[in-house]
Every structure is written in structure tokens, then in C-alpha cells.
């Protein structure tokens, strides 16, 4: 799968489950020097998830430093500036899930966390790649929590797409360019 030249500041990579979006993101990060920071938002909650995480860490190799960050994404990205060649966050929809299921979660706090992340990304000096599932193309969920999750993820994607200078949708392993401000010379 071909990737674009590494000229972006913030890249948002969207796609469905098993679409190839994470592989594309890793390819996009490959030209950047080590060390590279992989920010995992998933917390291992069972043996199967622990095995998946371990397999992904082996696939990435020793040039990647991994951090598990279930909630404080903006603060982690902010603190990592200039210490890494690139930052890759996988994935934002798991982060939204964590925010929604945390004790005392509410819509306002979830929206505020997304705004803090977007604001942090406007200041980033280290190229940052964000991976997320596009969940809004399926059926309307049959329960309030599912609908709220779909809505929160969609609002977050819109907010981050505005600050990203590269947005790619990956479908069946094929990257589709949605936005590339650095190619047009737009700020």
C-alpha cells in the first residue's frame, strides 16, 4: 500500500475494522527517524486482547516505544513533543469508548477532551498520526449508548479533520485521499 511523502504535521487516518488503516499509518510513519512513539488507547481487558497487543508490539519492532494511554491523550501528545521522530495514536474510537465508560463520564467532559486534543494538535511540532474507526456508515444503533458512541466519534472526527493537514480514508486496504493541505500550499 503506497503512502504519501512525509510532509504532514497532523494526519487523520480513518477506516472500518480490518480496513488496513493501522498498516497504512505505520507505513506513513516509517520515513521518520527513531525513536517513534506508539500511543495505544486500548487497555488489555482479557487474554485475547493481551495477545493482540503483544503481537502488534512485535510487528512494530524496537524502533517504537509504546505507551498505554486510555484517557490523557492530549497531555501525552503535548509532553512528547520533540522527543520522537513521529507520534502514532491507535485508536481514537477506543479512546472515545474509554471516555464514555469512565466513572462519572458525561457528554460535556467527552466534548472537552476532544477540544483539548484538537487544540494540542494545532501546536504540535512532532508529526502526529491519528488512527480511528469510521463508525457512522452502518445502521443506527438500537440503544442510547451505541448512538451516543457513534455521535461522539463522528463529532471528534470532524473536529480533528479541521486541524489535520492530511486525512485519508482506507477502504479494503486502499487509501483514499480526503484532504492534503500540504500539497495545495494551504496552511
Protein backbone atom coordinates (compact mmCIF):
# COMPACT_ATOMS: atom_id res chain seq x y z
CA UNK A 1 0.00 0.00 0.00
CA UNK A 2 1.61 3.28 -1.09
CA UNK A 3 1.84 6.16 1.34
CA UNK A 4 2.23 9.86 0.72
CA UNK A 5 5.50 11.70 1.31
CA UNK A 6 6.11 12.52 4.95
CA UNK A 7 5.29 16.26 4.76
CA UNK A 8 2.29 16.46 7.07
CA UNK A 9 2.06 17.76 10.62
CA UNK A 10 -1.17 16.02 11.69
CA UNK A 11 -2.62 13.04 9.81
CA UNK A 12 -6.05 11.53 10.50
CA UNK A 13 -6.42 8.00 9.10
CA UNK A 14 -9.98 6.64 9.09
CA UNK A 15 -11.41 3.30 8.04
CA UNK A 16 -13.53 0.37 9.09
CA UNK A 17 -12.42 -2.60 11.16
CA UNK A 18 -9.64 -4.52 9.39
CA UNK A 19 -9.56 -1.97 6.58
CA UNK A 20 -5.76 -1.59 6.70
CA UNK A 21 -5.79 1.83 8.38
CA UNK A 22 -3.23 0.89 11.07
CA UNK A 23 -0.91 -0.66 8.50
CA UNK A 24 -1.24 2.50 6.41
CA UNK A 25 -0.46 4.66 9.46
CA UNK A 26 2.65 2.62 10.25
CA UNK A 27 3.78 3.00 6.63
CA UNK A 28 3.22 6.73 6.85
CA UNK A 29 5.39 6.82 9.99
CA UNK A 30 8.20 4.68 8.54
CA UNK A 31 10.26 7.52 6.97
CA UNK A 32 10.53 9.36 10.29
CA UNK A 33 13.57 8.75 12.48
CA UNK A 34 13.54 6.60 15.59
CA UNK A 35 12.58 6.67 18.29
CA UNK A 36 8.92 6.63 17.28
CA UNK A 37 6.14 6.80 19.87
CA UNK A 38 3.15 4.47 19.61
CA UNK A 39 0.30 5.62 21.85
CA UNK A 40 -2.13 2.77 22.46
CA UNK A 41 -5.51 3.78 23.84
CA UNK A 42 -6.69 0.20 24.38
CA UNK A 43 -6.40 -1.29 27.81
CA UNK A 44 -5.90 -5.06 27.77
CA UNK A 45 -9.01 -6.43 29.46
CA UNK A 46 -8.69 -10.11 28.58
CA UNK A 47 -6.18 -12.72 27.39
CA UNK A 48 -7.12 -12.36 23.72
CA UNK A 49 -6.57 -8.59 23.81
CA UNK A 50 -3.23 -9.03 25.60
CA UNK A 51 -2.13 -11.46 22.87
CA UNK A 52 -3.17 -8.99 20.13
CA UNK A 53 -1.25 -6.16 21.80
CA UNK A 54 1.89 -8.31 22.18
CA UNK A 55 1.71 -9.36 18.51
CA UNK A 56 1.36 -5.75 17.36
CA UNK A 57 4.31 -4.68 19.51
CA UNK A 58 6.49 -7.43 17.94
CA UNK A 59 5.38 -6.33 14.44
CA UNK A 60 6.36 -2.70 15.10
CA UNK A 61 9.85 -3.61 16.29
CA UNK A 62 12.35 -1.97 18.58
CA UNK A 63 12.31 1.46 16.90
CA UNK A 64 8.92 2.07 18.52
CA UNK A 65 8.33 2.99 22.13
CA UNK A 66 4.82 2.04 23.27
CA UNK A 67 2.72 3.82 25.87
CA UNK A 68 -0.74 2.80 27.02
CA UNK A 69 -2.81 5.97 27.39
CA UNK A 70 -6.50 5.22 27.92
CA UNK A 71 -7.58 8.79 28.80
CA UNK A 72 -4.97 11.58 28.89
CA UNK A 73 -4.27 11.71 25.17
CA UNK A 74 -3.78 15.48 24.77
CA UNK A 75 -1.39 15.65 27.72
CA UNK A 76 0.62 12.69 26.41
CA UNK A 77 0.99 14.21 22.94
CA UNK A 78 1.90 17.57 24.43
CA UNK A 79 4.55 16.05 26.73
CA UNK A 80 6.08 14.00 23.88
CA UNK A 81 6.86 16.98 21.63
CA UNK A 82 10.38 16.99 20.18
CA UNK A 83 11.33 13.68 21.90
CA UNK A 84 10.30 11.44 18.99
CA UNK A 85 10.53 11.40 15.21
CA UNK A 86 6.79 10.75 14.96
CA UNK A 87 3.82 10.01 17.22
CA UNK A 88 1.17 7.47 16.19
CA UNK A 89 -2.09 7.14 18.18
CA UNK A 90 -4.13 3.97 17.68
CA UNK A 91 -7.05 4.35 18.07
CA UNK A 92 -9.35 7.28 18.73
CA UNK A 93 -12.56 5.26 18.85
CA UNK A 94 -11.15 3.18 21.71
CA UNK A 95 -10.26 6.47 23.40
CA UNK A 96 -13.87 7.65 22.99
CA UNK A 97 -15.04 4.34 24.47
CA UNK A 98 -12.72 4.85 27.45
CA UNK A 99 -14.02 8.39 27.98
CA UNK A 100 -17.63 7.23 27.77
CA UNK A 101 -17.23 4.30 30.17
CA UNK A 102 -15.05 6.03 32.76
CA UNK A 103 -16.78 6.62 36.11
CA UNK A 104 -18.66 9.94 36.14
CA UNK A 105 -18.41 10.29 32.34
CA UNK A 106 -20.65 12.88 30.76
CA UNK A 107 -21.11 14.36 27.30
CA UNK A 108 -19.55 17.68 28.26
CA UNK A 109 -16.37 16.06 29.55
CA UNK A 110 -16.06 13.94 26.40
CA UNK A 111 -16.52 17.01 24.19
CA UNK A 112 -13.96 18.93 26.28
CA UNK A 113 -11.41 16.12 25.92
CA UNK A 114 -11.85 16.26 22.12
CA UNK A 115 -11.43 20.03 22.13
CA UNK A 116 -8.25 19.74 24.23
CA UNK A 117 -6.87 17.16 21.80
CA UNK A 118 -7.66 19.34 18.78
CA UNK A 119 -6.09 22.38 20.46
CA UNK A 120 -2.97 20.39 21.35
CA UNK A 121 -2.65 19.23 17.75
CA UNK A 122 -2.67 22.85 16.49
CA UNK A 123 0.60 23.34 18.42
CA UNK A 124 2.31 20.04 17.67
CA UNK A 125 5.83 20.20 16.28
CA UNK A 126 6.25 16.43 16.05
CA UNK A 127 4.39 14.80 13.15
CA UNK A 128 1.37 13.05 14.65
CA UNK A 129 -0.72 10.28 13.08
CA UNK A 130 -4.18 9.53 14.46
CA UNK A 131 -5.93 6.25 13.60
CA UNK A 132 -9.68 5.86 14.07
CA UNK A 133 -12.60 3.67 13.05
CA UNK A 134 -15.21 5.26 10.82
CA UNK A 135 -18.35 4.00 12.56
CA UNK A 136 -21.01 6.30 11.14
CA UNK A 137 -21.75 4.42 7.93
CA UNK A 138 -23.56 1.46 9.45
CA UNK A 139 -27.06 1.06 10.78
CA UNK A 140 -28.35 3.31 13.53
CA UNK A 141 -27.52 1.54 16.81
CA UNK A 142 -30.53 0.15 18.66
CA UNK A 143 -29.57 1.58 22.05
CA UNK A 144 -28.75 5.01 23.51
CA UNK A 145 -25.14 4.16 24.42
CA UNK A 146 -24.41 2.92 20.89
CA UNK A 147 -25.94 6.02 19.34
CA UNK A 148 -24.02 8.28 21.72
CA UNK A 149 -20.76 6.50 20.85
CA UNK A 150 -21.41 6.88 17.12
CA UNK A 151 -22.21 10.56 17.57
CA UNK A 152 -19.19 11.29 19.80
CA UNK A 153 -16.83 9.55 17.37
CA UNK A 154 -18.30 11.45 14.41
CA UNK A 155 -18.02 14.80 16.16
CA UNK A 156 -14.42 14.04 17.17
CA UNK A 157 -13.51 13.09 13.59
CA UNK A 158 -14.97 16.33 12.26
CA UNK A 159 -13.09 18.40 14.85
CA UNK A 160 -9.77 16.65 14.15
CA UNK A 161 -10.19 16.71 10.37
CA UNK A 162 -10.34 20.51 10.60
CA UNK A 163 -6.91 20.69 12.29
CA UNK A 164 -5.30 17.84 10.32
CA UNK A 165 -3.41 18.69 7.17
CA UNK A 166 -3.76 15.10 5.92
CA UNK A 167 -6.93 12.99 6.06
CA UNK A 168 -7.00 9.53 4.48
CA UNK A 169 -9.86 7.02 4.36
CA UNK A 170 -8.69 3.41 4.00
CA UNK A 171 -11.17 1.00 2.39
CA UNK A 172 -10.27 -2.65 1.77
CA UNK A 173 -6.58 -1.80 2.10
CA UNK A 174 -6.80 1.05 -0.41
CA UNK A 175 -6.03 4.57 0.84
CA UNK A 176 -8.32 7.29 -0.46
CA UNK A 177 -7.02 10.83 -0.08
CA UNK A 178 -9.65 13.06 1.53
CA UNK A 179 -7.55 16.11 2.43
CA UNK A 180 -3.90 17.07 1.86
CA UNK A 181 -3.39 20.74 2.66
CA UNK A 182 0.40 20.42 2.38
CA UNK A 183 0.01 19.51 -1.31
CA UNK A 184 -2.01 22.65 -2.06
CA UNK A 185 0.11 25.03 -0.02
CA UNK A 186 -2.77 25.88 2.33
CA UNK A 187 -1.87 26.48 5.98
